[in-house]
Each structure stands twice: as structure tokens, then as C-alpha cells.
C-alpha atoms as a PDB file:
ATOM      1  CA  MET A   1      11.470  39.575  -2.928  1.00  0.00           C
ATOM      2  CA  VAL A   2       7.995  38.044  -2.585  1.00  0.00           C
ATOM      3  CA  PHE A   3       7.657  34.305  -3.111  1.00  0.00           C
ATOM      4  CA  ALA A   4       4.461  32.800  -4.430  1.00  0.00           C
ATOM      5  CA  LYS A   5       2.677  30.447  -2.066  1.00  0.00           C
ATOM      6  CA  LEU A   6       3.110  26.814  -2.954  1.00  0.00           C
ATOM      7  CA  VAL A   7      -0.535  26.171  -2.083  1.00  0.00           C
ATOM      8  CA  PRO A   8      -2.658  29.187  -2.984  1.00  0.00           C
ATOM      9  CA  GLU A   9      -5.461  30.148  -0.674  1.00  0.00           C
ATOM     10  CA  GLU A  10      -8.948  29.331  -1.842  1.00  0.00           C
ATOM     11  CA  GLU A  11     -12.439  29.875  -0.645  1.00  0.00           C
ATOM     12  CA  PRO A  12     -13.534  27.358   2.005  1.00  0.00           C
ATOM     13  CA  ILE A  13     -15.222  24.303   0.571  1.00  0.00           C
ATOM     14  CA  ALA A  14     -18.963  24.554   1.037  1.00  0.00           C
ATOM     15  CA  PRO A  15     -20.397  21.517   2.837  1.00  0.00           C
ATOM     16  CA  VAL A  16     -22.687  20.458   0.028  1.00  0.00           C
ATOM     17  CA  ASP A  17     -23.814  16.857   0.552  1.00  0.00           C
ATOM     18  CA  THR A  18     -24.486  15.461  -2.907  1.00  0.00           C
ATOM     19  CA  HIS A  19     -24.514  11.825  -1.751  1.00  0.00           C
ATOM     20  CA  ALA A  20     -26.532  11.981   1.426  1.00  0.00           C
ATOM     21  CA  GLU A  21     -27.566   8.347   1.151  1.00  0.00           C
ATOM     22  CA  THR A  22     -23.918   7.154   1.217  1.00  0.00           C
ATOM     23  CA  ARG A  23     -22.437   9.820   3.469  1.00  0.00           C
ATOM     24  CA  MET A  24     -19.849   8.447   5.908  1.00  0.00           C
ATOM     25  CA  VAL A  25     -20.433   8.787   9.645  1.00  0.00           C
ATOM     26  CA  ARG A  26     -17.640   8.332  12.155  1.00  0.00           C
ATOM     27  CA  THR A  27     -17.920   5.137  14.168  1.00  0.00           C
ATOM     28  CA  SER A  28     -18.970   5.682  17.763  1.00  0.00           C
ATOM     29  CA  ILE A  29     -19.238   2.782  20.190  1.00  0.00           C
ATOM     30  CA  PRO A  30     -20.642   3.928  23.553  1.00  0.00           C
ATOM     31  CA  ALA A  31     -18.793   1.256  25.534  1.00  0.00           C
ATOM     32  CA  ALA A  32     -15.503   2.189  23.835  1.00  0.00           C
ATOM     33  CA  ASP A  33     -16.155   5.926  24.149  1.00  0.00           C
ATOM     34  CA  ALA A  34     -16.537   5.406  27.897  1.00  0.00           C
ATOM     35  CA  LEU A  35     -13.005   3.958  28.015  1.00  0.00           C
ATOM     36  CA  ILE A  36     -11.321   6.970  26.412  1.00  0.00           C
ATOM     37  CA  GLY A  37      -9.018   8.660  28.906  1.00  0.00           C
ATOM     38  CA  VAL A  38      -9.545   6.022  31.602  1.00  0.00           C
ATOM     39  CA  HIS A  39      -6.278   4.903  33.211  1.00  0.00           C
ATOM     40  CA  HIS A  40      -6.322   1.141  33.745  1.00  0.00           C
ATOM     41  CA  PRO A  41      -3.678   0.422  36.426  1.00  0.00           C
ATOM     42  CA  VAL A  42      -0.940  -2.082  35.620  1.00  0.00           C
ATOM     43  CA  LEU A  43       1.909  -3.036  37.993  1.00  0.00           C
ATOM     44  CA  SER A  44       2.924  -0.521  40.699  1.00  0.00           C
ATOM     45  CA  HIS A  45       2.884   2.774  38.801  1.00  0.00           C
ATOM     46  CA  GLY A  46       1.846   1.850  35.255  1.00  0.00           C
ATOM     47  CA  PHE A  47      -1.349   2.173  33.283  1.00  0.00           C
ATOM     48  CA  VAL A  48      -2.940   1.755  29.872  1.00  0.00           C
ATOM     49  CA  ALA A  49      -5.358   4.398  28.573  1.00  0.00           C
ATOM     50  CA  LEU A  50      -7.281   4.416  25.315  1.00  0.00           C
ATOM     51  CA  VAL A  51      -6.744   7.828  23.719  1.00  0.00           C
ATOM     52  CA  ASP A  52      -8.807   7.270  20.570  1.00  0.00           C
ATOM     53  CA  TYR A  53      -9.934   4.623  18.097  1.00  0.00           C
ATOM     54  CA  MET A  54     -11.080   4.518  14.489  1.00  0.00           C
ATOM     55  CA  GLY A  55     -13.371   1.899  13.028  1.00  0.00           C
ATOM     56  CA  ASP A  56     -15.009  -1.244  14.332  1.00  0.00           C
ATOM     57  CA  ASP A  57     -16.254  -4.581  12.996  1.00  0.00           C
ATOM     58  CA  LYS A  58     -18.282  -2.772  10.345  1.00  0.00           C
ATOM     59  CA  ALA A  59     -15.163  -1.025   9.044  1.00  0.00           C
ATOM     60  CA  ILE A  60     -13.561  -4.429   8.469  1.00  0.00           C
ATOM     61  CA  VAL A  61     -16.590  -5.651   6.548  1.00  0.00           C
ATOM     62  CA  GLN A  62     -16.834  -2.416   4.586  1.00  0.00           C
ATOM     63  CA  ALA A  63     -13.201  -2.674   3.450  1.00  0.00           C
ATOM     64  CA  ALA A  64     -13.559  -6.337   2.509  1.00  0.00           C
ATOM     65  CA  ARG A  65     -16.708  -5.812   0.479  1.00  0.00           C
ATOM     66  CA  VAL A  66     -15.146  -3.097  -1.651  1.00  0.00           C
ATOM     67  CA  SER A  67     -13.528  -5.912  -3.627  1.00  0.00           C
ATOM     68  CA  TYR A  68     -16.906  -7.433  -4.469  1.00  0.00           C
ATOM     69  CA  GLY A  69     -17.917  -4.607  -6.782  1.00  0.00           C
ATOM     70  CA  GLN A  70     -21.136  -4.738  -8.758  1.00  0.00           C
ATOM     71  CA  GLY A  71     -22.671  -7.962  -9.960  1.00  0.00           C
ATOM     72  CA  THR A  72     -21.921  -9.976  -6.827  1.00  0.00           C
ATOM     73  CA  LYS A  73     -24.611 -12.601  -6.519  1.00  0.00           C
ATOM     74  CA  SER A  74     -24.423 -12.986  -2.761  1.00  0.00           C
ATOM     75  CA  THR A  75     -22.609 -11.571   0.228  1.00  0.00           C
ATOM     76  CA  ARG A  76     -21.763 -13.175   3.529  1.00  0.00           C
ATOM     77  CA  SER A  77     -23.153 -12.032   6.849  1.00  0.00           C
ATOM     78  CA  ASP A  78     -20.826  -9.675   8.683  1.00  0.00           C
ATOM     79  CA  ARG A  79     -19.740 -12.223  11.287  1.00  0.00           C
ATOM     80  CA  ALA A  80     -19.225 -14.992   8.753  1.00  0.00           C
ATOM     81  CA  LEU A  81     -17.204 -12.683   6.522  1.00  0.00           C
ATOM     82  CA  ILE A  82     -14.934 -11.542   9.362  1.00  0.00           C
ATOM     83  CA  ARG A  83     -14.357 -15.138  10.403  1.00  0.00           C
ATOM     84  CA  TYR A  84     -13.588 -16.085   6.796  1.00  0.00           C
ATOM     85  CA  LEU A  85     -11.043 -13.262   6.550  1.00  0.00           C
ATOM     86  CA  MET A  86      -9.338 -14.319   9.776  1.00  0.00           C
ATOM     87  CA  ARG A  87      -9.432 -18.023   8.923  1.00  0.00           C
ATOM     88  CA  HIS A  88      -7.792 -17.487   5.532  1.00  0.00           C
ATOM     89  CA  HIS A  89      -5.328 -14.783   6.652  1.00  0.00           C
ATOM     90  CA  HIS A  90      -6.830 -11.954   4.590  1.00  0.00           C
ATOM     91  CA  THR A  91      -5.374  -9.313   6.866  1.00  0.00           C
ATOM     92  CA  THR A  92      -5.767  -5.983   5.053  1.00  0.00           C
ATOM     93  CA  PRO A  93      -9.393  -5.323   6.123  1.00  0.00           C
ATOM     94  CA  PHE A  94      -8.336  -5.594   9.779  1.00  0.00           C
ATOM     95  CA  GLU A  95      -5.906  -2.736   9.208  1.00  0.00           C
ATOM     96  CA  MET A  96      -8.901  -0.392   8.789  1.00  0.00           C
ATOM     97  CA  VAL A  97      -9.375  -0.362  12.577  1.00  0.00           C
ATOM     98  CA  GLU A  98      -6.864   1.662  14.605  1.00  0.00           C
ATOM     99  CA  PHE A  99      -6.148   2.369  18.263  1.00  0.00           C
ATOM    100  CA  LYS A 100      -4.124   5.023  20.014  1.00  0.00           C
ATOM    101  CA  PHE A 101      -3.025   4.277  23.567  1.00  0.00           C
ATOM    102  CA  LEU A 102      -1.158   6.152  26.266  1.00  0.00           C
ATOM    103  CA  VAL A 103       0.970   3.670  28.211  1.00  0.00           C
ATOM    104  CA  ARG A 104       3.160   4.084  31.293  1.00  0.00           C
ATOM    105  CA  LEU A 105       5.469   1.123  31.804  1.00  0.00           C
ATOM    106  CA  PRO A 106       8.867   0.118  33.243  1.00  0.00           C
ATOM    107  CA  ILE A 107      11.765   0.594  30.848  1.00  0.00           C
ATOM    108  CA  TYR A 108      12.637  -3.117  30.931  1.00  0.00           C
ATOM    109  CA  VAL A 109       9.105  -3.898  29.697  1.00  0.00           C
ATOM    110  CA  ALA A 110       9.289  -1.104  27.110  1.00  0.00           C
ATOM    111  CA  ARG A 111      12.436  -2.619  25.589  1.00  0.00           C
ATOM    112  CA  GLN A 112      10.501  -5.826  24.836  1.00  0.00           C
ATOM    113  CA  TRP A 113       7.421  -3.946  23.687  1.00  0.00           C
ATOM    114  CA  VAL A 114       9.355  -1.817  21.202  1.00  0.00           C
ATOM    115  CA  ARG A 115      10.327  -4.940  19.263  1.00  0.00           C
ATOM    116  CA  HIS A 116       6.923  -4.593  17.590  1.00  0.00           C
ATOM    117  CA  ARG A 117       7.821  -2.149  14.838  1.00  0.00           C
ATOM    118  CA  THR A 118       4.653  -1.874  12.750  1.00  0.00           C
ATOM    119  CA  VAL A 119       3.293   0.935  14.922  1.00  0.00           C
ATOM    120  CA  SER A 120       3.584   4.676  15.421  1.00  0.00           C
ATOM    121  CA  LEU A 121       5.267   5.450  18.726  1.00  0.00           C
ATOM    122  CA  ASN A 122       6.370   8.588  20.535  1.00  0.00           C
ATOM    123  CA  GLU A 123       8.080   8.183  23.912  1.00  0.00           C
ATOM    124  CA  ILE A 124       8.666  10.744  26.614  1.00  0.00           C
ATOM    125  CA  SER A 125      12.248  12.031  26.519  1.00  0.00           C
ATOM    126  CA  TYR A 126      14.227  12.484  29.707  1.00  0.00           C
ATOM    127  CA  ARG A 127      16.491  14.776  27.722  1.00  0.00           C
ATOM    128  CA  TYR A 128      13.688  17.316  28.031  1.00  0.00           C
ATOM    129  CA  SER A 129      11.654  16.118  31.020  1.00  0.00           C
ATOM    130  CA  ILE A 130      12.628  15.290  34.589  1.00  0.00           C
ATOM    131  CA  ALA A 131      12.294  11.566  35.221  1.00  0.00           C
ATOM    132  CA  PRO A 132       9.730  10.769  37.948  1.00  0.00           C
ATOM    133  CA  ASP A 133      10.843   8.893  41.024  1.00  0.00           C
ATOM    134  CA  GLU A 134       8.854   5.800  40.053  1.00  0.00           C
ATOM    135  CA  TYR A 135      10.310   2.344  39.628  1.00  0.00           C
ATOM    136  CA  GLU A 136       9.049  -1.207  39.660  1.00  0.00           C
ATOM    137  CA  VAL A 137       9.810  -3.707  42.422  1.00  0.00           C
ATOM    138  CA  PRO A 138       8.308  -7.058  41.360  1.00  0.00           C
ATOM    139  CA  ARG A 139       5.716  -8.617  43.639  1.00  0.00           C
ATOM    140  CA  PRO A 140       7.043 -11.437  45.859  1.00  0.00           C
ATOM    141  CA  GLU A 141       5.052 -14.089  44.004  1.00  0.00           C
ATOM    142  CA  SER A 142       6.546 -12.927  40.691  1.00  0.00           C
ATOM    143  CA  ILE A 143      10.153 -13.471  41.796  1.00  0.00           C
ATOM    144  CA  ARG A 144      11.294 -16.948  40.784  1.00  0.00           C
ATOM    145  CA  ALA A 145      14.405 -18.703  39.537  1.00  0.00           C
ATOM    146  CA  GLN A 146      15.468 -19.097  35.913  1.00  0.00           C
ATOM    147  CA  SER A 147      13.408 -21.677  34.045  1.00  0.00           C
ATOM    148  CA  GLN A 148      15.291 -24.765  32.912  1.00  0.00           C
ATOM    149  CA  LYS A 149      12.869 -25.192  30.000  1.00  0.00           C
ATOM    150  CA  ASN A 150      12.068 -21.644  28.905  1.00  0.00           C
ATOM    151  CA  ARG A 151      15.593 -20.280  28.694  1.00  0.00           C
ATOM    152  CA  GLN A 152      14.499 -16.648  28.567  1.00  0.00           C
ATOM    153  CA  GLY A 153      11.957 -16.741  31.384  1.00  0.00           C
ATOM    154  CA  ARG A 154      11.140 -17.700  34.941  1.00  0.00           C
ATOM    155  CA  SER A 155      10.269 -21.075  36.364  1.00  0.00           C
ATOM    156  CA  THR A 156       6.855 -21.756  37.890  1.00  0.00           C
ATOM    157  CA  GLU A 157       8.270 -22.795  41.265  1.00  0.00           C
ATOM    158  CA  PRO A 158       8.381 -20.292  44.155  1.00  0.00           C
ATOM    159  CA  MET A 159      11.737 -19.184  45.524  1.00  0.00           C
ATOM    160  CA  ASP A 160      13.046 -19.156  49.069  1.00  0.00           C
ATOM    161  CA  PRO A 161      11.190 -16.268  50.802  1.00  0.00           C
ATOM    162  CA  LYS A 162      14.502 -15.007  52.222  1.00  0.00           C
ATOM    163  CA  VAL A 163      15.985 -14.708  48.732  1.00  0.00           C
ATOM    164  CA  VAL A 164      12.837 -12.976  47.523  1.00  0.00           C
ATOM    165  CA  GLU A 165      12.959 -10.398  50.307  1.00  0.00           C
ATOM    166  CA  GLN A 166      16.682  -9.827  49.796  1.00  0.00           C
ATOM    167  CA  TYR A 167      16.094  -9.246  46.085  1.00  0.00           C
ATOM    168  CA  ARG A 168      13.255  -6.784  46.695  1.00  0.00           C
ATOM    169  CA  GLN A 169      15.180  -4.837  49.320  1.00  0.00           C
ATOM    170  CA  GLN A 170      18.259  -4.531  47.150  1.00  0.00           C
ATOM    171  CA  VAL A 171      16.287  -3.459  44.063  1.00  0.00           C
ATOM    172  CA  GLU A 172      14.621  -0.744  46.116  1.00  0.00           C
ATOM    173  CA  ALA A 173      17.930   0.374  47.622  1.00  0.00           C
ATOM    174  CA  ILE A 174      19.657   0.497  44.221  1.00  0.00           C
ATOM    175  CA  CYS A 175      16.835   2.505  42.639  1.00  0.00           C
ATOM    176  CA  ASP A 176      16.636   4.939  45.568  1.00  0.00           C
ATOM    177  CA  ASP A 177      20.378   5.488  45.421  1.00  0.00           C
ATOM    178  CA  ALA A 178      20.329   5.909  41.627  1.00  0.00           C
ATOM    179  CA  TYR A 179      17.575   8.508  41.797  1.00  0.00           C
ATOM    180  CA  ALA A 180      19.393  10.404  44.542  1.00  0.00           C
ATOM    181  CA  LYS A 181      22.491  10.545  42.330  1.00  0.00           C
ATOM    182  CA  TYR A 182      20.335  11.579  39.359  1.00  0.00           C
ATOM    183  CA  GLU A 183      18.890  14.493  41.335  1.00  0.00           C
ATOM    184  CA  GLY A 184      22.380  15.343  42.562  1.00  0.00           C
ATOM    185  CA  PHE A 185      23.723  15.559  39.029  1.00  0.00           C
ATOM    186  CA  LEU A 186      20.839  17.835  38.042  1.00  0.00           C
ATOM    187  CA  GLY A 187      21.619  20.009  41.048  1.00  0.00           C
ATOM    188  CA  LEU A 188      25.216  20.319  39.904  1.00  0.00           C
ATOM    189  CA  GLY A 189      24.012  21.545  36.522  1.00  0.00           C
ATOM    190  CA  VAL A 190      24.744  18.357  34.569  1.00  0.00           C
ATOM    191  CA  ALA A 191      22.571  18.126  31.436  1.00  0.00           C
ATOM    192  CA  ARG A 192      19.471  15.977  31.785  1.00  0.00           C
ATOM    193  CA  GLU A 193      20.575  13.772  28.870  1.00  0.00           C
ATOM    194  CA  LEU A 194      23.702  12.835  30.867  1.00  0.00           C
ATOM    195  CA  ALA A 195      22.180  12.695  34.341  1.00  0.00           C
ATOM    196  CA  ARG A 196      19.602  10.118  33.216  1.00  0.00           C
ATOM    197  CA  ILE A 197      22.182   7.419  32.387  1.00  0.00           C
ATOM    198  CA  VAL A 198      22.391   6.292  36.019  1.00  0.00           C
ATOM    199  CA  LEU A 199      18.704   5.326  36.165  1.00  0.00           C
ATOM    200  CA  PRO A 200      18.095   1.534  36.075  1.00  0.00           C
ATOM    201  CA  VAL A 201      15.638  -0.072  33.666  1.00  0.00           C
ATOM    202  CA  GLY A 202      13.186  -0.558  36.525  1.00  0.00           C
ATOM    203  CA  PHE A 203      12.215   3.121  36.257  1.00  0.00           C
ATOM    204  CA  TYR A 204       9.110   4.086  34.327  1.00  0.00           C
ATOM    205  CA  THR A 205       8.717   5.599  30.896  1.00  0.00           C
ATOM    206  CA  GLU A 206       5.607   6.686  29.001  1.00  0.00           C
ATOM    207  CA  TRP A 207       4.560   6.746  25.371  1.00  0.00           C
ATOM    208  CA  TYR A 208       1.780   7.163  22.862  1.00  0.00           C
ATOM    209  CA  TRP A 209       1.334   3.966  20.887  1.00  0.00           C
ATOM    210  CA  LYS A 210      -0.819   3.808  17.723  1.00  0.00           C
ATOM    211  CA  ILE A 211      -1.462   0.525  15.985  1.00  0.00           C
ATOM    212  CA  ASN A 212      -3.977  -1.054  13.611  1.00  0.00           C
ATOM    213  CA  LEU A 213      -6.000  -4.098  14.569  1.00  0.00           C
ATOM    214  CA  HIS A 214      -4.081  -6.552  12.386  1.00  0.00           C
ATOM    215  CA  ASN A 215      -0.774  -5.662  14.019  1.00  0.00           C
ATOM    216  CA  LEU A 216      -2.410  -5.478  17.441  1.00  0.00           C
ATOM    217  CA  PHE A 217      -3.553  -9.066  17.024  1.00  0.00           C
ATOM    218  CA  HIS A 218       0.038 -10.032  16.225  1.00  0.00           C
ATOM    219  CA  PHE A 219       1.223  -8.205  19.350  1.00  0.00           C
ATOM    220  CA  LEU A 220      -1.371  -9.970  21.511  1.00  0.00           C
ATOM    221  CA  LYS A 221      -0.604 -13.372  19.963  1.00  0.00           C
ATOM    222  CA  LEU A 222       3.004 -13.079  21.153  1.00  0.00           C
ATOM    223  CA  ARG A 223       2.549 -11.142  24.388  1.00  0.00           C
ATOM    224  CA  LEU A 224      -0.378 -13.085  25.835  1.00  0.00           C
ATOM    225  CA  ASP A 225       1.547 -16.315  25.376  1.00  0.00           C
ATOM    226  CA  ASP A 226       2.765 -18.144  28.485  1.00  0.00           C
ATOM    227  CA  HIS A 227       6.355 -17.719  27.281  1.00  0.00           C
ATOM    228  CA  ALA A 228       6.113 -13.916  27.329  1.00  0.00           C
ATOM    229  CA  GLN A 229       7.355 -12.022  30.374  1.00  0.00           C
ATOM    230  CA  GLU A 230       4.712 -11.756  33.080  1.00  0.00           C
ATOM    231  CA  GLU A 231       4.752  -7.975  33.220  1.00  0.00           C
ATOM    232  CA  ILE A 232       4.077  -7.461  29.521  1.00  0.00           C
ATOM    233  CA  ARG A 233       1.299 -10.055  29.716  1.00  0.00           C
ATOM    234  CA  GLU A 234      -0.436  -7.863  32.302  1.00  0.00           C
ATOM    235  CA  TYR A 235      -0.400  -4.914  29.918  1.00  0.00           C
ATOM    236  CA  SER A 236      -1.529  -7.139  27.053  1.00  0.00           C
ATOM    237  CA  ARG A 237      -4.577  -8.354  28.955  1.00  0.00           C
ATOM    238  CA  VAL A 238      -5.764  -4.781  29.472  1.00  0.00           C
ATOM    239  CA  ILE A 239      -5.209  -3.922  25.796  1.00  0.00           C
ATOM    240  CA  ALA A 240      -7.042  -7.102  24.763  1.00  0.00           C
ATOM    241  CA  ARG A 241     -10.119  -6.085  26.771  1.00  0.00           C
ATOM    242  CA  ILE A 242     -10.154  -2.687  25.057  1.00  0.00           C
ATOM    243  CA  ALA A 243      -9.734  -4.235  21.600  1.00  0.00           C
ATOM    244  CA  ARG A 244     -12.603  -6.629  22.287  1.00  0.00           C
ATOM    245  CA  THR A 245     -14.829  -3.684  23.200  1.00  0.00           C
ATOM    246  CA  VAL A 246     -14.135  -1.927  19.887  1.00  0.00           C
ATOM    247  CA  ALA A 247     -14.288  -4.957  17.557  1.00  0.00           C
ATOM    248  CA  PRO A 248     -15.903  -7.888  19.407  1.00  0.00           C
ATOM    249  CA  VAL A 249     -16.615 -10.036  16.342  1.00  0.00           C
ATOM    250  CA  ALA A 250     -13.080  -9.670  15.006  1.00  0.00           C
ATOM    251  CA  PHE A 251     -11.665 -10.388  18.447  1.00  0.00           C
ATOM    252  CA  GLU A 252     -13.758 -13.551  18.717  1.00  0.00           C
ATOM    253  CA  ALA A 253     -12.398 -14.687  15.348  1.00  0.00           C
ATOM    254  CA  PHE A 254      -8.859 -13.892  16.512  1.00  0.00           C
ATOM    255  CA  GLU A 255      -9.358 -16.034  19.629  1.00  0.00           C
ATOM    256  CA  ASP A 256     -10.781 -18.933  17.627  1.00  0.00           C
ATOM    257  CA  PHE A 257      -8.428 -19.023  14.651  1.00  0.00           C
ATOM    258  CA  ASP A 258      -5.203 -17.544  15.985  1.00  0.00           C
ATOM    259  CA  LEU A 259      -4.841 -16.997  19.718  1.00  0.00           C
ATOM    260  CA  GLY A 260      -6.445 -20.298  20.699  1.00  0.00           C
ATOM    261  CA  ALA A 261      -5.279 -22.274  17.677  1.00  0.00           C
ATOM    262  CA  GLN A 262      -2.333 -24.629  17.252  1.00  0.00           C
ATOM    263  CA  SER A 263      -0.409 -25.122  14.033  1.00  0.00           C
ATOM    264  CA  PHE A 264       1.310 -28.355  13.046  1.00  0.00           C
ATOM    265  CA  SER A 265       4.392 -28.454  10.850  1.00  0.00           C
ATOM    266  CA  ARG A 266       4.799 -30.966   8.032  1.00  0.00           C
ATOM    267  CA  SER A 267       6.837 -33.243  10.320  1.00  0.00           C
ATOM    268  CA  GLU A 268       4.288 -32.901  13.118  1.00  0.00           C
ATOM    269  CA  GLN A 269       1.468 -33.832  10.758  1.00  0.00           C
ATOM    270  CA  GLU A 270       3.466 -36.908   9.742  1.00  0.00           C
ATOM    271  CA  ALA A 271       3.894 -37.824  13.412  1.00  0.00           C
ATOM    272  CA  LEU A 272       0.153 -37.329  13.973  1.00  0.00           C
ATOM    273  CA  ALA A 273      -0.589 -39.652  11.077  1.00  0.00           C
ATOM    274  CA  HIS A 274       1.666 -42.332  12.627  1.00  0.00           C
ATOM    275  CA  ILE A 275      -0.049 -41.914  16.010  1.00  0.00           C
ATOM    276  CA  LEU A 276      -3.491 -42.226  14.419  1.00  0.00           C
ATOM    277  CA  SER A 277      -2.321 -45.428  12.726  1.00  0.00           C
ATOM    278  CA  GLY A 278      -1.420 -46.888  16.128  1.00  0.00           C
ATOM    279  CA  LEU A 279       2.236 -46.053  16.784  1.00  0.00           C
ATOM    280  CA  GLU A 280       3.420 -44.909  20.213  1.00  0.00           C
ATOM    281  CA  GLU A 281       4.174 -41.198  20.458  1.00  0.00           C
ATOM    282  CA  GLN A 282       7.950 -41.552  20.821  1.00  0.00           C
ATOM    283  CA  GLU A 283       8.174 -43.986  17.913  1.00  0.00           C
ATOM    284  CA  ALA A 284       5.985 -41.690  15.809  1.00  0.00           C
ATOM    285  CA  CYS A 285       8.263 -38.750  16.601  1.00  0.00           C
ATOM    286  CA  LEU A 286      11.315 -40.783  15.650  1.00  0.00           C
ATOM    287  CA  LYS A 287       9.827 -41.809  12.293  1.00  0.00           C
ATOM    288  CA  ALA A 288       8.806 -38.216  11.559  1.00  0.00           C
ATOM    289  CA  GLY A 289      12.253 -36.858  12.412  1.00  0.00           C
ATOM    290  CA  LEU A 290      11.201 -35.036  15.588  1.00  0.00           C
ATOM    291  CA  PRO A 291      14.053 -35.543  18.094  1.00  0.00           C
ATOM    292  CA  LEU A 292      13.258 -36.321  21.714  1.00  0.00           C
ATOM    293  CA  THR A 293      16.673 -37.412  22.981  1.00  0.00           C
ATOM    294  CA  ARG A 294      20.171 -35.914  22.880  1.00  0.00           C
ATOM    295  CA  GLU A 295      23.275 -37.658  21.600  1.00  0.00           C
ATOM    296  CA  ASP A 296      24.043 -38.855  25.135  1.00  0.00           C
ATOM    297  CA  GLY A 297      20.643 -40.543  25.302  1.00  0.00           C
ATOM    298  CA  LYS A 298      19.074 -38.099  27.783  1.00  0.00           C
ATOM    299  CA  LEU A 299      15.607 -36.724  27.114  1.00  0.00           C
ATOM    300  CA  MET A 300      15.526 -33.248  25.647  1.00  0.00           C
ATOM    301  CA  THR A 301      13.720 -30.421  27.470  1.00  0.00           C
ATOM    302  CA  THR A 302      13.324 -28.209  24.403  1.00  0.00           C
ATOM    303  CA  GLY A 303      13.159 -28.708  20.656  1.00  0.00           C
ATOM    304  CA  GLU A 304      10.659 -29.666  17.970  1.00  0.00           C
ATOM    305  CA  GLY A 305       9.808 -33.075  19.395  1.00  0.00           C
ATOM    306  CA  VAL A 306       9.205 -31.733  22.902  1.00  0.00           C
ATOM    307  CA  GLU A 307       7.048 -28.901  21.564  1.00  0.00           C
ATOM    308  CA  PHE A 308       5.012 -31.386  19.516  1.00  0.00           C
ATOM    309  CA  LEU A 309       4.297 -33.505  22.604  1.00  0.00           C
ATOM    310  CA  ASP A 310       3.328 -30.336  24.485  1.00  0.00           C
ATOM    311  CA  LYS A 311       0.764 -29.616  21.758  1.00  0.00           C
ATOM    312  CA  LEU A 312      -0.674 -33.111  22.185  1.00  0.00           C
ATOM    313  CA  THR A 313      -0.888 -32.551  25.936  1.00  0.00           C
ATOM    314  CA  ARG A 314      -2.870 -29.351  25.410  1.00  0.00           C
ATOM    315  CA  LEU A 315      -5.203 -31.126  22.996  1.00  0.00           C
ATOM    316  CA  ARG A 316      -5.883 -33.888  25.528  1.00  0.00           C
ATOM    317  CA  ALA A 317      -6.619 -31.273  28.181  1.00  0.00           C
ATOM    318  CA  LEU A 318      -9.543 -30.058  26.061  1.00  0.00           C
ATOM    319  CA  SER A 319     -11.341 -33.355  26.617  1.00  0.00           C
ATOM    320  CA  GLN A 320     -11.046 -33.116  30.390  1.00  0.00           C
ATOM    321  CA  PRO A 321     -14.071 -31.880  32.365  1.00  0.00           C
ATOM    322  CA  ARG A 322     -13.811 -28.208  33.321  1.00  0.00           C
END
């Protein structure tokens, strides 16, 4: 029995250009093209490489101006339009720019990274591939105690050098032993998908990661923040430099209106109004319902009131000479 083809074959489409004056040309940015395939080292064995990109600042403007249609009396300059879009959270035009990266990173960093779901991602599988003998031992200056303020992160104070060295030595010993057992299991004929379970999260993985500029800005907003884990901040800084190369005007707007901006809740605005009228900060927080003390009377180290005062501290720092 012969089945008809679902899509019948046709003659190739002749490249007749009937709209030469409006023909699309693929964006090419020499500085960005020079970055394609370049491995930017991160941590001990990691890297970020730009595989490809699509679009630039002009693509954002082009998408935004589609909505103008005919009869528009005036249009904004490209930079002003991009800044308007960012300032008023008109995000769709930023989705017209895309990036594809190749990233090698420790598994414990990857498990934070993968929380960003509005991407296309394909990770190497150690069911099929042999895991490389590469793992991350944090630098001595990166090893610190648990923060008492940021409950999910490290403090800023250095640790006892003896503790630091003990930690590093034991991490290395554990990873070496785990990899030796992994290789031993493979030698015994154990399936790769089972042998891999002994490898700690300090070992490296690798993936292709494709994301549009709007979602990349969201990623950078969270992962460049001081509260993010140090290791993922290192990767984020490299990605930020690449994004700036492709869309510098959009990145400038992102820095001005999002990355470097501070938002104030309704209660915080009320507290600001009380401070501007002459009240002390703690009294203003109390009137606005921003708690600063616990039930036992001790000062809080986290919470809305503490975060509000931190914002004021950062604002005051802007007036200090640099």
C-alpha cells in the first residue's frame, strides 16, 4: 500500500524580491559576532560561551513601532522609545531579541539556575555520556559562615583559616573518592544512569540555554543581586557583558529602571511621607505598620521594616562622594 505524502513536494520557491526596499536583513553586530564561540572562564572549570543571538536594539524598536500603524503623527527616537518601554513595563518588544549560550557550571549552581523556567534548555546527560572528573572547590575567600541576616546565604566575615583549609581538603577528598567509585562501578558494568548517583553536586554539568532579552533581564535582576549565591553571580556578570554588547541601549535602560532602581510599597511610601514631614525613622515605621522590633522587644534583623531602612541607607549612600 502506498500512502500519500502529507506535504506534497513542490518546486523550490524562486527568490524573487518584490519588496526590495523593505527586505529584512539579519542583524550582525561585529563586537557580538566576535564573542560567538569564545569560552569566558568562570570558577575552576566553568565557562559561558555565546553560541548565537538574534536581534538587537533595532529589533526592539521595530517590534514596538508595529503598533503605531499608519497615521502616526510623530515617533520617538530609538533610545527614548526603548527607555519608555522599559520604564512602563512594556515587555513584549524585548522578547524579540534572543540569545543562545553554552554554559558549563557546577551542579549545585545549575539547580539554582534552572529555577528560571521561561527558557529553552538542554543539558548533557550522564546516562549517555561519561561524567568528566571536574568538580568545584570554592576559593578560600569564598568560604564563610552562615549569615545571620540572609538566612540562605553566607556572611561577609572571613572564617578561621584552619576551618577553611579543612573544608577545602575534605571537599576534594570526598569528590576524588566519589569519582573513583563512579569509575569503579562503570568498570564493573553498572549502567551509567546508576553509577552517576554517587557524584556530589560539586561536579560539573553543561547545557545549552536559550532565552529572550526580557527573561534574561529578569534572570540578571535576581542573580546579580547581593543576596544571590556568589557563584551564580559570577556567571551572571559574564552574561550581562554579552547582553550589553548585543543590545547596549536596552541594557542601559534595564540598569536605570530595573537593576539599579528601588521600589517602595504602599506602607513604605507612607513611612517616607512621615519622614519627610519630620518624624524619626523608627516612629515613621511604627505609624506605617513596618515592624522593627519583635514581641520580646529586641530589634529585628529581617522583615519589611528592616528592608525599608536598608533602602534608605542605600539612598543616602548616593549622596556620598565617590
